[in-house]
PDB file of N, CA and C in Angstrom:
ATOM      1  N   MET A   1       6.389  31.654  -9.457  1.00  0.00           N
ATOM      2  CA  MET A   1       5.751  30.682 -10.330  1.00  0.00           C
ATOM      3  C   MET A   1       5.219  29.523  -9.478  1.00  0.00           C
ATOM      4  N   PRO A   2       3.939  29.209  -9.584  1.00  0.00           N
ATOM      5  CA  PRO A   2       3.369  28.123  -8.767  1.00  0.00           C
ATOM      6  C   PRO A   2       3.941  26.763  -9.182  1.00  0.00           C
ATOM      7  N   ILE A   3       4.033  25.899  -8.203  1.00  0.00           N
ATOM      8  CA  ILE A   3       4.518  24.544  -8.449  1.00  0.00           C
ATOM      9  C   ILE A   3       3.364  23.704  -8.992  1.00  0.00           C
ATOM     10  N   THR A   4       3.647  22.873  -9.971  1.00  0.00           N
ATOM     11  CA  THR A   4       2.597  22.064 -10.593  1.00  0.00           C
ATOM     12  C   THR A   4       2.473  20.711  -9.894  1.00  0.00           C
ATOM     13  N   PRO A   5       1.327  20.058 -10.031  1.00  0.00           N
ATOM     14  CA  PRO A   5       1.179  18.723  -9.455  1.00  0.00           C
ATOM     15  C   PRO A   5       2.242  17.741  -9.979  1.00  0.00           C
ATOM     16  N   LEU A   6       2.578  17.831 -11.245  1.00  0.00           N
ATOM     17  CA  LEU A   6       3.573  16.920 -11.800  1.00  0.00           C
ATOM     18  C   LEU A   6       4.965  17.201 -11.237  1.00  0.00           C
ATOM     19  N   THR A   7       5.284  18.456 -11.008  1.00  0.00           N
ATOM     20  CA  THR A   7       6.563  18.802 -10.389  1.00  0.00           C
ATOM     21  C   THR A   7       6.647  18.203  -8.987  1.00  0.00           C
ATOM     22  N   LEU A   8       5.579  18.357  -8.202  1.00  0.00           N
ATOM     23  CA  LEU A   8       5.543  17.760  -6.865  1.00  0.00           C
ATOM     24  C   LEU A   8       5.708  16.241  -6.937  1.00  0.00           C
ATOM     25  N   ALA A   9       4.998  15.611  -7.864  1.00  0.00           N
ATOM     26  CA  ALA A   9       5.061  14.152  -8.010  1.00  0.00           C
ATOM     27  C   ALA A   9       6.474  13.692  -8.347  1.00  0.00           C
ATOM     28  N   MET A  10       7.113  14.368  -9.268  1.00  0.00           N
ATOM     29  CA  MET A  10       8.460  13.964  -9.674  1.00  0.00           C
ATOM     30  C   MET A  10       9.478  14.216  -8.562  1.00  0.00           C
ATOM     31  N   GLN A  11       9.305  15.291  -7.815  1.00  0.00           N
ATOM     32  CA  GLN A  11      10.184  15.540  -6.666  1.00  0.00           C
ATOM     33  C   GLN A  11      10.026  14.420  -5.640  1.00  0.00           C
ATOM     34  N   TYR A  12       8.783  14.045  -5.380  1.00  0.00           N
ATOM     35  CA  TYR A  12       8.503  12.944  -4.453  1.00  0.00           C
ATOM     36  C   TYR A  12       9.197  11.666  -4.917  1.00  0.00           C
ATOM     37  N   LEU A  13       9.003  11.288  -6.186  1.00  0.00           N
ATOM     38  CA  LEU A  13       9.596  10.044  -6.695  1.00  0.00           C
ATOM     39  C   LEU A  13      11.115  10.088  -6.647  1.00  0.00           C
ATOM     40  N   ASP A  14      11.711  11.221  -6.987  1.00  0.00           N
ATOM     41  CA  ASP A  14      13.177  11.334  -6.941  1.00  0.00           C
ATOM     42  C   ASP A  14      13.711  11.110  -5.530  1.00  0.00           C
ATOM     43  N   ILE A  15      13.057  11.710  -4.538  1.00  0.00           N
ATOM     44  CA  ILE A  15      13.499  11.532  -3.148  1.00  0.00           C
ATOM     45  C   ILE A  15      13.259  10.094  -2.694  1.00  0.00           C
ATOM     46  N   PHE A  16      12.055   9.579  -2.926  1.00  0.00           N
ATOM     47  CA  PHE A  16      11.715   8.225  -2.489  1.00  0.00           C
ATOM     48  C   PHE A  16      12.678   7.202  -3.088  1.00  0.00           C
ATOM     49  N   TYR A  17      12.870   7.248  -4.393  1.00  0.00           N
ATOM     50  CA  TYR A  17      13.685   6.242  -5.058  1.00  0.00           C
ATOM     51  C   TYR A  17      15.179   6.413  -4.804  1.00  0.00           C
ATOM     52  N   SER A  18      15.607   7.573  -4.326  1.00  0.00           N
ATOM     53  CA  SER A  18      17.012   7.728  -3.946  1.00  0.00           C
ATOM     54  C   SER A  18      17.295   6.945  -2.668  1.00  0.00           C
ATOM     55  N   GLY A  19      16.231   6.781  -1.832  1.00  0.00           N
ATOM     56  CA  GLY A  19      16.387   6.081  -0.559  1.00  0.00           C
ATOM     57  C   GLY A  19      17.158   6.894   0.474  1.00  0.00           C
ATOM     58  N   GLU A  20      17.474   8.129   0.150  1.00  0.00           N
ATOM     59  CA  GLU A  20      18.257   8.988   1.037  1.00  0.00           C
ATOM     60  C   GLU A  20      17.468  10.242   1.400  1.00  0.00           C
ATOM     61  N   ASN A  21      17.764  10.773   2.555  1.00  0.00           N
ATOM     62  CA  ASN A  21      17.141  12.024   2.997  1.00  0.00           C
ATOM     63  C   ASN A  21      15.617  11.984   2.876  1.00  0.00           C
ATOM     64  N   LEU A  22      15.034  10.876   3.304  1.00  0.00           N
ATOM     65  CA  LEU A  22      13.583  10.719   3.197  1.00  0.00           C
ATOM     66  C   LEU A  22      12.819  11.777   3.991  1.00  0.00           C
ATOM     67  N   HIS A  23      13.486  12.383   4.984  1.00  0.00           N
ATOM     68  CA  HIS A  23      12.846  13.449   5.755  1.00  0.00           C
ATOM     69  C   HIS A  23      12.455  14.631   4.852  1.00  0.00           C
ATOM     70  N   ARG A  24      13.110  14.761   3.694  1.00  0.00           N
ATOM     71  CA  ARG A  24      12.780  15.832   2.746  1.00  0.00           C
ATOM     72  C   ARG A  24      11.374  15.666   2.173  1.00  0.00           C
ATOM     73  N   LEU A  25      10.823  14.452   2.234  1.00  0.00           N
ATOM     74  CA  LEU A  25       9.449  14.237   1.764  1.00  0.00           C
ATOM     75  C   LEU A  25       8.460  15.076   2.569  1.00  0.00           C
ATOM     76  N   LYS A  26       8.780  15.316   3.825  1.00  0.00           N
ATOM     77  CA  LYS A  26       7.902  16.100   4.715  1.00  0.00           C
ATOM     78  C   LYS A  26       7.574  17.461   4.096  1.00  0.00           C
ATOM     79  N   ASN A  27       8.545  18.034   3.369  1.00  0.00           N
ATOM     80  CA  ASN A  27       8.340  19.343   2.740  1.00  0.00           C
ATOM     81  C   ASN A  27       7.350  19.285   1.577  1.00  0.00           C
ATOM     82  N   LEU A  28       7.120  18.091   1.046  1.00  0.00           N
ATOM     83  CA  LEU A  28       6.220  17.936  -0.103  1.00  0.00           C
ATOM     84  C   LEU A  28       4.819  17.496   0.291  1.00  0.00           C
ATOM     85  N   LEU A  29       4.689  16.930   1.499  1.00  0.00           N
ATOM     86  CA  LEU A  29       3.432  16.316   1.913  1.00  0.00           C
ATOM     87  C   LEU A  29       2.604  17.237   2.806  1.00  0.00           C
ATOM     88  N   ASP A  30       1.322  17.312   2.547  1.00  0.00           N
ATOM     89  CA  ASP A  30       0.379  17.950   3.446  1.00  0.00           C
ATOM     90  C   ASP A  30       0.369  17.158   4.753  1.00  0.00           C
ATOM     91  N   ASP A  31       0.184  17.804   5.882  1.00  0.00           N
ATOM     92  CA  ASP A  31       0.184  17.097   7.173  1.00  0.00           C
ATOM     93  C   ASP A  31      -0.821  15.948   7.209  1.00  0.00           C
ATOM     94  N   HIS A  32      -1.930  16.109   6.497  1.00  0.00           N
ATOM     95  CA  HIS A  32      -2.986  15.099   6.485  1.00  0.00           C
ATOM     96  C   HIS A  32      -2.943  14.231   5.227  1.00  0.00           C
ATOM     97  N   CYS A  33      -1.770  14.173   4.606  1.00  0.00           N
ATOM     98  CA  CYS A  33      -1.611  13.381   3.381  1.00  0.00           C
ATOM     99  C   CYS A  33      -1.969  11.923   3.640  1.00  0.00           C
ATOM    100  N   ARG A  34      -2.743  11.369   2.741  1.00  0.00           N
ATOM    101  CA  ARG A  34      -3.116   9.950   2.845  1.00  0.00           C
ATOM    102  C   ARG A  34      -2.379   9.175   1.772  1.00  0.00           C
ATOM    103  N   PHE A  35      -1.708   8.114   2.181  1.00  0.00           N
ATOM    104  CA  PHE A  35      -1.029   7.221   1.240  1.00  0.00           C
ATOM    105  C   PHE A  35      -1.774   5.896   1.247  1.00  0.00           C
ATOM    106  N   THR A  36      -2.184   5.432   0.068  1.00  0.00           N
ATOM    107  CA  THR A  36      -2.874   4.162  -0.058  1.00  0.00           C
ATOM    108  C   THR A  36      -2.182   3.329  -1.129  1.00  0.00           C
ATOM    109  N   GLY A  37      -1.850   2.090  -0.765  1.00  0.00           N
ATOM    110  CA  GLY A  37      -1.223   1.169  -1.707  1.00  0.00           C
ATOM    111  C   GLY A  37      -1.562  -0.256  -1.322  1.00  0.00           C
ATOM    112  N   PRO A  38      -1.100  -1.219  -2.106  1.00  0.00           N
ATOM    113  CA  PRO A  38      -1.424  -2.624  -1.832  1.00  0.00           C
ATOM    114  C   PRO A  38      -0.969  -3.122  -0.459  1.00  0.00           C
ATOM    115  N   PHE A  39       0.129  -2.584   0.060  1.00  0.00           N
ATOM    116  CA  PHE A  39       0.675  -3.085   1.321  1.00  0.00           C
ATOM    117  C   PHE A  39       0.639  -2.067   2.460  1.00  0.00           C
ATOM    118  N   MET A  40       0.055  -0.885   2.220  1.00  0.00           N
ATOM    119  CA  MET A  40       0.099   0.156   3.240  1.00  0.00           C
ATOM    120  C   MET A  40      -1.054   1.133   3.051  1.00  0.00           C
ATOM    121  N   ASP A  41      -1.574   1.626   4.169  1.00  0.00           N
ATOM    122  CA  ASP A  41      -2.586   2.674   4.154  1.00  0.00           C
ATOM    123  C   ASP A  41      -2.283   3.602   5.325  1.00  0.00           C
ATOM    124  N   CYS A  42      -1.756   4.776   5.035  1.00  0.00           N
ATOM    125  CA  CYS A  42      -1.393   5.739   6.074  1.00  0.00           C
ATOM    126  C   CYS A  42      -2.286   6.963   5.948  1.00  0.00           C
ATOM    127  N   ARG A  43      -2.696   7.491   7.092  1.00  0.00           N
ATOM    128  CA  ARG A  43      -3.660   8.596   7.110  1.00  0.00           C
ATOM    129  C   ARG A  43      -3.058   9.950   7.466  1.00  0.00           C
ATOM    130  N   SER A  44      -1.735  10.029   7.554  1.00  0.00           N
ATOM    131  CA  SER A  44      -1.083  11.318   7.791  1.00  0.00           C
ATOM    132  C   SER A  44       0.350  11.247   7.270  1.00  0.00           C
ATOM    133  N   ALA A  45       0.917  12.404   7.047  1.00  0.00           N
ATOM    134  CA  ALA A  45       2.306  12.454   6.590  1.00  0.00           C
ATOM    135  C   ALA A  45       3.231  11.830   7.631  1.00  0.00           C
ATOM    136  N   ASP A  46       3.000  12.127   8.906  1.00  0.00           N
ATOM    137  CA  ASP A  46       3.852  11.573   9.963  1.00  0.00           C
ATOM    138  C   ASP A  46       3.775  10.042  10.005  1.00  0.00           C
ATOM    139  N   GLU A  47       2.570   9.495   9.873  1.00  0.00           N
ATOM    140  CA  GLU A  47       2.418   8.036   9.874  1.00  0.00           C
ATOM    141  C   GLU A  47       3.158   7.416   8.686  1.00  0.00           C
ATOM    142  N   TYR A  48       3.029   8.033   7.524  1.00  0.00           N
ATOM    143  CA  TYR A  48       3.690   7.530   6.328  1.00  0.00           C
ATOM    144  C   TYR A  48       5.214   7.611   6.472  1.00  0.00           C
ATOM    145  N   LEU A  49       5.715   8.747   6.931  1.00  0.00           N
ATOM    146  CA  LEU A  49       7.164   8.902   7.094  1.00  0.00           C
ATOM    147  C   LEU A  49       7.712   7.949   8.145  1.00  0.00           C
ATOM    148  N   GLN A  50       6.940   7.673   9.188  1.00  0.00           N
ATOM    149  CA  GLN A  50       7.365   6.699  10.194  1.00  0.00           C
ATOM    150  C   GLN A  50       7.464   5.309   9.570  1.00  0.00           C
ATOM    151  N   ALA A  51       6.509   4.948   8.726  1.00  0.00           N
ATOM    152  CA  ALA A  51       6.553   3.649   8.041  1.00  0.00           C
ATOM    153  C   ALA A  51       7.790   3.554   7.155  1.00  0.00           C
ATOM    154  N   LEU A  52       8.150   4.647   6.485  1.00  0.00           N
ATOM    155  CA  LEU A  52       9.351   4.643   5.640  1.00  0.00           C
ATOM    156  C   LEU A  52      10.617   4.558   6.472  1.00  0.00           C
ATOM    157  N   THR A  53      10.610   5.161   7.651  1.00  0.00           N
ATOM    158  CA  THR A  53      11.760   5.088   8.544  1.00  0.00           C
ATOM    159  C   THR A  53      11.944   3.662   9.053  1.00  0.00           C
ATOM    160  N   THR A  54      10.838   2.990   9.350  1.00  0.00           N
ATOM    161  CA  THR A  54      10.872   1.608   9.833  1.00  0.00           C
ATOM    162  C   THR A  54      11.349   0.647   8.749  1.00  0.00           C
ATOM    163  N   ASP A  55      10.915   0.879   7.520  1.00  0.00           N
ATOM    164  CA  ASP A  55      11.266   0.000   6.398  1.00  0.00           C
ATOM    165  C   ASP A  55      11.635   0.861   5.194  1.00  0.00           C
ATOM    166  N   PRO A  56      12.855   1.450   5.206  1.00  0.00           N
ATOM    167  CA  PRO A  56      13.212   2.391   4.143  1.00  0.00           C
ATOM    168  C   PRO A  56      13.414   1.719   2.786  1.00  0.00           C
ATOM    169  N   PRO A  57      13.104   2.442   1.720  1.00  0.00           N
ATOM    170  CA  PRO A  57      13.362   1.916   0.380  1.00  0.00           C
ATOM    171  C   PRO A  57      14.868   1.812   0.158  1.00  0.00           C
ATOM    172  N   ALA A  58      15.291   0.762  -0.510  1.00  0.00           N
ATOM    173  CA  ALA A  58      16.722   0.565  -0.768  1.00  0.00           C
ATOM    174  C   ALA A  58      16.916  -0.126  -2.101  1.00  0.00           C
ATOM    175  N   SER A  59      17.943   0.293  -2.815  1.00  0.00           N
ATOM    176  CA  SER A  59      18.328  -0.317  -4.093  1.00  0.00           C
ATOM    177  C   SER A  59      17.168  -0.378  -5.080  1.00  0.00           C
ATOM    178  N   LEU A  60      16.425   0.703  -5.165  1.00  0.00           N
ATOM    179  CA  LEU A  60      15.284   0.787  -6.077  1.00  0.00           C
ATOM    180  C   LEU A  60      15.619   1.711  -7.240  1.00  0.00           C
ATOM    181  N   SER A  61      14.963   1.482  -8.352  1.00  0.00           N
ATOM    182  CA  SER A  61      15.042   2.428  -9.455  1.00  0.00           C
ATOM    183  C   SER A  61      13.720   2.407 -10.203  1.00  0.00           C
ATOM    184  N   TYR A  62      13.542   3.398 -11.052  1.00  0.00           N
ATOM    185  CA  TYR A  62      12.312   3.467 -11.843  1.00  0.00           C
ATOM    186  C   TYR A  62      12.599   4.171 -13.156  1.00  0.00           C
ATOM    187  N   THR A  63      11.806   3.816 -14.139  1.00  0.00           N
ATOM    188  CA  THR A  63      11.869   4.466 -15.446  1.00  0.00           C
ATOM    189  C   THR A  63      10.466   4.951 -15.778  1.00  0.00           C
ATOM    190  N   VAL A  64      10.324   6.245 -15.967  1.00  0.00           N
ATOM    191  CA  VAL A  64       9.011   6.816 -16.268  1.00  0.00           C
ATOM    192  C   VAL A  64       8.578   6.380 -17.662  1.00  0.00           C
ATOM    193  N   LEU A  65       7.358   5.858 -17.733  1.00  0.00           N
ATOM    194  CA  LEU A  65       6.775   5.435 -18.999  1.00  0.00           C
ATOM    195  C   LEU A  65       5.828   6.498 -19.555  1.00  0.00           C
ATOM    196  N   GLN A  66       5.067   7.126 -18.641  1.00  0.00           N
ATOM    197  CA  GLN A  66       4.092   8.129 -19.074  1.00  0.00           C
ATOM    198  C   GLN A  66       3.706   8.990 -17.876  1.00  0.00           C
ATOM    199  N   THR A  67       3.399  10.247 -18.136  1.00  0.00           N
ATOM    200  CA  THR A  67       2.897  11.132 -17.086  1.00  0.00           C
ATOM    201  C   THR A  67       1.647  11.844 -17.600  1.00  0.00           C
ATOM    202  N   TYR A  68       0.773  12.162 -16.665  1.00  0.00           N
ATOM    203  CA  TYR A  68      -0.441  12.916 -16.954  1.00  0.00           C
ATOM    204  C   TYR A  68      -0.602  13.954 -15.857  1.00  0.00           C
ATOM    205  N   GLU A  69      -1.164  15.087 -16.222  1.00  0.00           N
ATOM    206  CA  GLU A  69      -1.397  16.124 -15.229  1.00  0.00           C
ATOM    207  C   GLU A  69      -2.745  16.769 -15.498  1.00  0.00           C
ATOM    208  N   HIS A  70      -3.446  17.062 -14.405  1.00  0.00           N
ATOM    209  CA  HIS A  70      -4.713  17.775 -14.484  1.00  0.00           C
ATOM    210  C   HIS A  70      -4.632  18.904 -13.469  1.00  0.00           C
ATOM    211  N   VAL A  71      -5.652  19.655 -13.329  1.00  0.00           N
ATOM    212  CA  VAL A  71      -5.647  20.860 -12.500  1.00  0.00           C
ATOM    213  C   VAL A  71      -4.974  20.658 -11.147  1.00  0.00           C
ATOM    214  N   ASP A  72      -5.400  19.670 -10.373  1.00  0.00           N
ATOM    215  CA  ASP A  72      -4.838  19.458  -9.035  1.00  0.00           C
ATOM    216  C   ASP A  72      -4.362  18.024  -8.823  1.00  0.00           C
ATOM    217  N   SER A  73      -3.982  17.366  -9.912  1.00  0.00           N
ATOM    218  CA  SER A  73      -3.494  15.992  -9.774  1.00  0.00           C
ATOM    219  C   SER A  73      -2.497  15.664 -10.882  1.00  0.00           C
ATOM    220  N   ALA A  74      -1.710  14.636 -10.611  1.00  0.00           N
ATOM    221  CA  ALA A  74      -0.758  14.124 -11.596  1.00  0.00           C
ATOM    222  C   ALA A  74      -0.708  12.617 -11.444  1.00  0.00           C
ATOM    223  N   CYS A  75      -0.444  11.945 -12.541  1.00  0.00           N
ATOM    224  CA  CYS A  75      -0.298  10.504 -12.539  1.00  0.00           C
ATOM    225  C   CYS A  75       1.033  10.170 -13.211  1.00  0.00           C
ATOM    226  N   VAL A  76       1.810   9.322 -12.562  1.00  0.00           N
ATOM    227  CA  VAL A  76       3.082   8.875 -13.125  1.00  0.00           C
ATOM    228  C   VAL A  76       3.012   7.357 -13.247  1.00  0.00           C
ATOM    229  N   ILE A  77       3.183   6.872 -14.464  1.00  0.00           N
ATOM    230  CA  ILE A  77       3.237   5.439 -14.727  1.00  0.00           C
ATOM    231  C   ILE A  77       4.698   5.114 -15.000  1.00  0.00           C
ATOM    232  N   TYR A  78       5.211   4.113 -14.304  1.00  0.00           N
ATOM    233  CA  TYR A  78       6.634   3.819 -14.423  1.00  0.00           C
ATOM    234  C   TYR A  78       6.912   2.335 -14.249  1.00  0.00           C
ATOM    235  N   GLN A  79       8.106   1.945 -14.645  1.00  0.00           N
ATOM    236  CA  GLN A  79       8.582   0.578 -14.463  1.00  0.00           C
ATOM    237  C   GLN A  79       9.429   0.563 -13.192  1.00  0.00           C
ATOM    238  N   PHE A  80       8.996  -0.189 -12.206  1.00  0.00           N
ATOM    239  CA  PHE A  80       9.682  -0.349 -10.932  1.00  0.00           C
ATOM    240  C   PHE A  80      10.739  -1.432 -11.076  1.00  0.00           C
ATOM    241  N   GLU A  81      11.921  -1.193 -10.506  1.00  0.00           N
ATOM    242  CA  GLU A  81      13.013  -2.169 -10.544  1.00  0.00           C
ATOM    243  C   GLU A  81      13.648  -2.290  -9.163  1.00  0.00           C
ATOM    244  N   LYS A  82      13.836  -3.532  -8.750  1.00  0.00           N
ATOM    245  CA  LYS A  82      14.611  -3.810  -7.539  1.00  0.00           C
ATOM    246  C   LYS A  82      15.263  -5.168  -7.760  1.00  0.00           C
ATOM    247  N   GLY A  83      16.558  -5.156  -8.050  1.00  0.00           N
ATOM    248  CA  GLY A  83      17.250  -6.402  -8.379  1.00  0.00           C
ATOM    249  C   GLY A  83      16.604  -7.046  -9.586  1.00  0.00           C
ATOM    250  N   SER A  84      16.169  -8.288  -9.431  1.00  0.00           N
ATOM    251  CA  SER A  84      15.532  -9.002 -10.548  1.00  0.00           C
ATOM    252  C   SER A  84      14.018  -8.749 -10.612  1.00  0.00           C
ATOM    253  N   ILE A  85      13.493  -7.981  -9.680  1.00  0.00           N
ATOM    254  CA  ILE A  85      12.062  -7.681  -9.660  1.00  0.00           C
ATOM    255  C   ILE A  85      11.779  -6.478 -10.555  1.00  0.00           C
ATOM    256  N   SER A  86      10.823  -6.634 -11.440  1.00  0.00           N
ATOM    257  CA  SER A  86      10.432  -5.561 -12.347  1.00  0.00           C
ATOM    258  C   SER A  86       8.920  -5.650 -12.576  1.00  0.00           C
ATOM    259  N   THR A  87       8.235  -4.544 -12.359  1.00  0.00           N
ATOM    260  CA  THR A  87       6.787  -4.523 -12.575  1.00  0.00           C
ATOM    261  C   THR A  87       6.333  -3.092 -12.847  1.00  0.00           C
ATOM    262  N   PRO A  88       5.324  -2.927 -13.677  1.00  0.00           N
ATOM    263  CA  PRO A  88       4.797  -1.573 -13.892  1.00  0.00           C
ATOM    264  C   PRO A  88       4.013  -1.103 -12.662  1.00  0.00           C
ATOM    265  N   MET A  89       4.128   0.181 -12.394  1.00  0.00           N
ATOM    266  CA  MET A  89       3.399   0.804 -11.286  1.00  0.00           C
ATOM    267  C   MET A  89       2.829   2.125 -11.766  1.00  0.00           C
ATOM    268  N   ALA A  90       1.777   2.565 -11.095  1.00  0.00           N
ATOM    269  CA  ALA A  90       1.206   3.887 -11.354  1.00  0.00           C
ATOM    270  C   ALA A  90       0.946   4.548 -10.012  1.00  0.00           C
ATOM    271  N   GLN A  91       1.227   5.830  -9.947  1.00  0.00           N
ATOM    272  CA  GLN A  91       0.923   6.584  -8.744  1.00  0.00           C
ATOM    273  C   GLN A  91       0.131   7.824  -9.136  1.00  0.00           C
ATOM    274  N   LEU A  92      -0.978   8.010  -8.428  1.00  0.00           N
ATOM    275  CA  LEU A  92      -1.801   9.192  -8.590  1.00  0.00           C
ATOM    276  C   LEU A  92      -1.517  10.117  -7.416  1.00  0.00           C
ATOM    277  N   PHE A  93      -1.188  11.351  -7.711  1.00  0.00           N
ATOM    278  CA  PHE A  93      -0.888  12.356  -6.695  1.00  0.00           C
ATOM    279  C   PHE A  93      -1.959  13.441  -6.773  1.00  0.00           C
ATOM    280  N   GLU A  94      -2.664  13.666  -5.675  1.00  0.00           N
ATOM    281  CA  GLU A  94      -3.619  14.766  -5.590  1.00  0.00           C
ATOM    282  C   GLU A  94      -2.971  15.850  -4.741  1.00  0.00           C
ATOM    283  N   THR A  95      -3.076  17.088  -5.195  1.00  0.00           N
ATOM    284  CA  THR A  95      -2.397  18.182  -4.515  1.00  0.00           C
ATOM    285  C   THR A  95      -3.380  19.264  -4.086  1.00  0.00           C
ATOM    286  N   ASN A  96      -2.890  20.144  -3.239  1.00  0.00           N
ATOM    287  CA  ASN A  96      -3.690  21.290  -2.813  1.00  0.00           C
ATOM    288  C   ASN A  96      -3.039  22.596  -3.250  1.00  0.00           C
ATOM    289  N   GLY A  97      -2.217  22.528  -4.261  1.00  0.00           N
ATOM    290  CA  GLY A  97      -1.536  23.718  -4.774  1.00  0.00           C
ATOM    291  C   GLY A  97      -0.073  23.764  -4.404  1.00  0.00           C
ATOM    292  N   SER A  98       0.242  23.489  -3.137  1.00  0.00           N
ATOM    293  CA  SER A  98       1.631  23.588  -2.699  1.00  0.00           C
ATOM    294  C   SER A  98       2.169  22.297  -2.098  1.00  0.00           C
ATOM    295  N   SER A  99       1.302  21.316  -1.884  1.00  0.00           N
ATOM    296  CA  SER A  99       1.760  20.053  -1.305  1.00  0.00           C
ATOM    297  C   SER A  99       0.869  18.901  -1.763  1.00  0.00           C
ATOM    298  N   ILE A 100       1.359  17.703  -1.516  1.00  0.00           N
ATOM    299  CA  ILE A 100       0.632  16.495  -1.905  1.00  0.00           C
ATOM    300  C   ILE A 100      -0.327  16.119  -0.782  1.00  0.00           C
ATOM    301  N   LYS A 101      -1.605  15.971  -1.119  1.00  0.00           N
ATOM    302  CA  LYS A 101      -2.579  15.630  -0.081  1.00  0.00           C
ATOM    303  C   LYS A 101      -3.034  14.169  -0.150  1.00  0.00           C
ATOM    304  N   ARG A 102      -2.761  13.489  -1.281  1.00  0.00           N
ATOM    305  CA  ARG A 102      -3.115  12.070  -1.378  1.00  0.00           C
ATOM    306  C   ARG A 102      -2.228  11.402  -2.414  1.00  0.00           C
ATOM    307  N   ILE A 103      -1.796  10.180  -2.082  1.00  0.00           N
ATOM    308  CA  ILE A 103      -1.027   9.364  -3.014  1.00  0.00           C
ATOM    309  C   ILE A 103      -1.710   8.003  -3.085  1.00  0.00           C
ATOM    310  N   LEU A 104      -2.005   7.592  -4.296  1.00  0.00           N
ATOM    311  CA  LEU A 104      -2.582   6.276  -4.537  1.00  0.00           C
ATOM    312  C   LEU A 104      -1.596   5.497  -5.394  1.00  0.00           C
ATOM    313  N   LEU A 105      -1.076   4.404  -4.858  1.00  0.00           N
ATOM    314  CA  LEU A 105      -0.126   3.545  -5.558  1.00  0.00           C
ATOM    315  C   LEU A 105      -0.861   2.313  -6.061  1.00  0.00           C
ATOM    316  N   ILE A 106      -0.699   2.037  -7.360  1.00  0.00           N
ATOM    317  CA  ILE A 106      -1.389   0.903  -7.976  1.00  0.00           C
ATOM    318  C   ILE A 106      -0.364   0.018  -8.673  1.00  0.00           C
ATOM    319  N   PHE A 107      -0.397  -1.276  -8.350  1.00  0.00           N
ATOM    320  CA  PHE A 107       0.408  -2.256  -9.064  1.00  0.00           C
ATOM    321  C   PHE A 107      -0.117  -3.640  -8.744  1.00  0.00           C
ATOM    322  N   ASP A 108       0.304  -4.608  -9.545  1.00  0.00           N
ATOM    323  CA  ASP A 108      -0.116  -5.991  -9.353  1.00  0.00           C
ATOM    324  C   ASP A 108       0.729  -6.594  -8.233  1.00  0.00           C
ATOM    325  N   SER A 109       0.213  -6.578  -7.019  1.00  0.00           N
ATOM    326  CA  SER A 109       0.980  -7.069  -5.873  1.00  0.00           C
ATOM    327  C   SER A 109       1.274  -8.558  -5.981  1.00  0.00           C
ATOM    328  N   ALA A 110       0.410  -9.308  -6.612  1.00  0.00           N
ATOM    329  CA  ALA A 110       0.653 -10.749  -6.790  1.00  0.00           C
ATOM    330  C   ALA A 110       1.907 -10.982  -7.625  1.00  0.00           C
ATOM    331  N   ALA A 111       2.094 -10.175  -8.658  1.00  0.00           N
ATOM    332  CA  ALA A 111       3.295 -10.309  -9.500  1.00  0.00           C
ATOM    333  C   ALA A 111       4.542  -9.987  -8.685  1.00  0.00           C
ATOM    334  N   LEU A 112       4.475  -9.015  -7.831  1.00  0.00           N
ATOM    335  CA  LEU A 112       5.624  -8.648  -6.998  1.00  0.00           C
ATOM    336  C   LEU A 112       5.930  -9.761  -6.012  1.00  0.00           C
ATOM    337  N   VAL A 113       4.914 -10.331  -5.393  1.00  0.00           N
ATOM    338  CA  VAL A 113       5.111 -11.424  -4.437  1.00  0.00           C
ATOM    339  C   VAL A 113       5.697 -12.649  -5.148  1.00  0.00           C
ATOM    340  N   ARG A 114       5.195 -12.980  -6.334  1.00  0.00           N
ATOM    341  CA  ARG A 114       5.733 -14.121  -7.099  1.00  0.00           C
ATOM    342  C   ARG A 114       7.198 -13.911  -7.427  1.00  0.00           C
ATOM    343  N   GLN A 115       7.548 -12.715  -7.897  1.00  0.00           N
ATOM    344  CA  GLN A 115       8.938 -12.445  -8.260  1.00  0.00           C
ATOM    345  C   GLN A 115       9.839 -12.466  -7.042  1.00  0.00           C
ATOM    346  N   THR A 116       9.344 -12.015  -5.895  1.00  0.00           N
ATOM    347  CA  THR A 116      10.128 -12.029  -4.662  1.00  0.00           C
ATOM    348  C   THR A 116      10.366 -13.480  -4.227  1.00  0.00           C
ATOM    349  N   ALA A 117       9.369 -14.337  -4.369  1.00  0.00           N
ATOM    350  CA  ALA A 117       9.491 -15.735  -3.968  1.00  0.00           C
ATOM    351  C   ALA A 117      10.502 -16.475  -4.827  1.00  0.00           C
ATOM    352  N   ILE A 118      10.650 -16.057  -6.084  1.00  0.00           N
ATOM    353  CA  ILE A 118      11.581 -16.724  -7.005  1.00  0.00           C
ATOM    354  C   ILE A 118      13.018 -16.392  -6.643  1.00  0.00           C
ATOM    355  N   THR A 119      13.266 -15.165  -6.166  1.00  0.00           N
ATOM    356  CA  THR A 119      14.635 -14.728  -5.891  1.00  0.00           C
ATOM    357  C   THR A 119      15.133 -15.176  -4.549  1.00  0.00           C
TER     358      THR A 119
END
């Protein structure tokens, strides 16, 4: 049974938000996977994984609000939580059938910076 874009996306989020065994992300990412977000732009899976190794996610959680799936893409909209910081986020995952080839992270970075400054 082929893996769906939404299955890949949810596997990615589960690993990322656990903050553990981040090397397992390598199995989900195409070698040329591009990650684009407000604070990072990586042009390969290795570059992205190195950035996560340098600054690993910790004490994060998320609650899925909505998911969408199309032929070769999935979108997950969720509420991001880290301590007192809470903001909605959306991630678009483009796939090539068996792995993630692009991740686009969208959120209001100004709101995150303001909440970080308050804490």
